[in-house]
Amino acid sequence: MFQFSFLATEHMDNQPHNPLHGATLQHIVECLADHYGWAELGHLIPIRCFTHDPSVASSLKFLRRTPWARAKVEALYVETWWRSRGGQA
């Protein structure tokens, strides 16, 4: 089950249907790694930080410097959030 624990729930009132609002990149990577596992995550988004000796720290370092990869990770997070809610915002 995909779990969301937004860090700033008081701000969720401003954007209740935005799964990225209040979620740090670290939270996003940890949730995806927990939900899919590193192997599946590396298959879904084939970037080296997910496929070769993956860790949250190495992933964060790469994703913070690589906008296109970060966009793919955020898109997968949003898609997973959407599916976990039965396709309803």
Protein backbone atom coordinates (compact mmCIF):
# COMPACT_ATOMS: atom_id res chain seq x y z
CA MET A 1 0.00 0.00 0.00
CA PHE A 2 1.36 3.38 -0.98
CA GLN A 3 1.55 5.60 2.10
CA PHE A 4 1.70 9.37 2.12
CA SER A 5 2.80 11.24 5.18
CA PHE A 6 2.98 14.85 4.19
CA LEU A 7 5.38 16.82 6.31
CA ALA A 8 3.33 20.00 6.42
CA THR A 9 -0.29 18.93 6.64
CA GLU A 10 -1.45 22.41 7.61
CA HIS A 11 -0.41 23.56 4.13
CA MET A 12 -2.39 20.81 2.44
CA ASP A 13 -5.52 22.96 2.78
CA ASN A 14 -4.08 25.23 0.08
CA GLN A 15 -3.51 22.42 -2.43
CA PRO A 16 -5.44 19.34 -1.29
CA HIS A 17 -5.18 17.55 -4.65
CA ASN A 18 -1.48 18.14 -5.27
CA PRO A 19 0.48 15.09 -4.08
CA LEU A 20 3.80 16.93 -4.49
CA HIS A 21 2.80 19.78 -2.19
CA GLY A 22 4.62 19.32 1.11
CA ALA A 23 6.55 16.26 -0.06
CA THR A 24 10.33 16.53 -0.06
CA LEU A 25 12.43 14.80 -2.69
CA GLN A 26 13.75 12.50 0.04
CA HIS A 27 10.19 11.54 1.01
CA ILE A 28 9.33 10.87 -2.64
CA VAL A 29 12.37 8.63 -3.20
CA GLU A 30 11.81 6.74 0.06
CA CYS A 31 8.13 6.15 -0.73
CA LEU A 32 8.86 4.90 -4.23
CA ALA A 33 11.71 2.67 -3.06
CA ASP A 34 9.49 1.21 -0.32
CA HIS A 35 6.55 0.73 -2.66
CA TYR A 36 8.34 -0.69 -5.73
CA GLY A 37 11.73 -1.78 -4.40
CA TRP A 38 14.97 -0.61 -5.98
CA ALA A 39 14.97 -3.26 -8.72
CA GLU A 40 11.50 -2.37 -9.99
CA LEU A 41 12.18 1.35 -9.58
CA GLY A 42 15.31 0.92 -11.72
CA HIS A 43 13.22 -0.88 -14.32
CA LEU A 44 10.54 1.82 -14.37
CA ILE A 45 13.08 4.67 -14.44
CA PRO A 46 16.36 3.27 -15.76
CA ILE A 47 18.87 5.61 -14.17
CA ARG A 48 22.13 4.43 -12.65
CA CYS A 49 21.36 5.65 -9.11
CA PHE A 50 18.43 3.18 -9.06
CA THR A 51 20.15 0.27 -10.81
CA HIS A 52 23.73 0.17 -9.48
CA ASP A 53 24.22 0.05 -5.70
CA PRO A 54 21.10 2.18 -5.07
CA SER A 55 20.62 4.29 -1.98
CA VAL A 56 18.50 7.25 -1.00
CA ALA A 57 21.61 9.43 -0.59
CA SER A 58 23.03 8.69 -4.05
CA SER A 59 19.61 9.10 -5.62
CA LEU A 60 19.07 12.48 -3.97
CA LYS A 61 22.48 13.71 -5.08
CA PHE A 62 21.80 12.72 -8.70
CA LEU A 63 18.18 13.88 -8.83
CA ARG A 64 18.99 17.30 -7.38
CA ARG A 65 21.48 17.88 -10.20
CA THR A 66 19.43 16.33 -13.02
CA PRO A 67 16.09 18.03 -13.71
CA TRP A 68 14.88 15.54 -16.35
CA ALA A 69 15.41 12.59 -13.99
CA ARG A 70 13.76 14.40 -11.10
CA ALA A 71 10.75 15.12 -13.33
CA LYS A 72 10.43 11.40 -14.13
CA VAL A 73 10.60 10.47 -10.43
CA GLU A 74 8.00 13.09 -9.52
CA ALA A 75 5.75 11.91 -12.36
CA LEU A 76 5.95 8.31 -11.12
CA TYR A 77 5.14 9.49 -7.59
CA VAL A 78 2.07 11.37 -8.84
CA GLU A 79 0.97 8.40 -10.97
CA THR A 80 1.38 6.03 -8.02
CA TRP A 81 -0.54 8.44 -5.78
CA TRP A 82 -3.30 8.64 -8.36
CA ARG A 83 -3.57 4.85 -8.67
CA SER A 84 -3.52 4.38 -4.87
CA ARG A 85 -6.61 6.58 -4.68
CA GLY A 86 -8.47 4.57 -7.30
CA GLY A 87 -7.89 7.17 -9.99
CA GLN A 88 -9.65 9.90 -8.03
CA ALA A 89 -8.12 13.13 -6.80
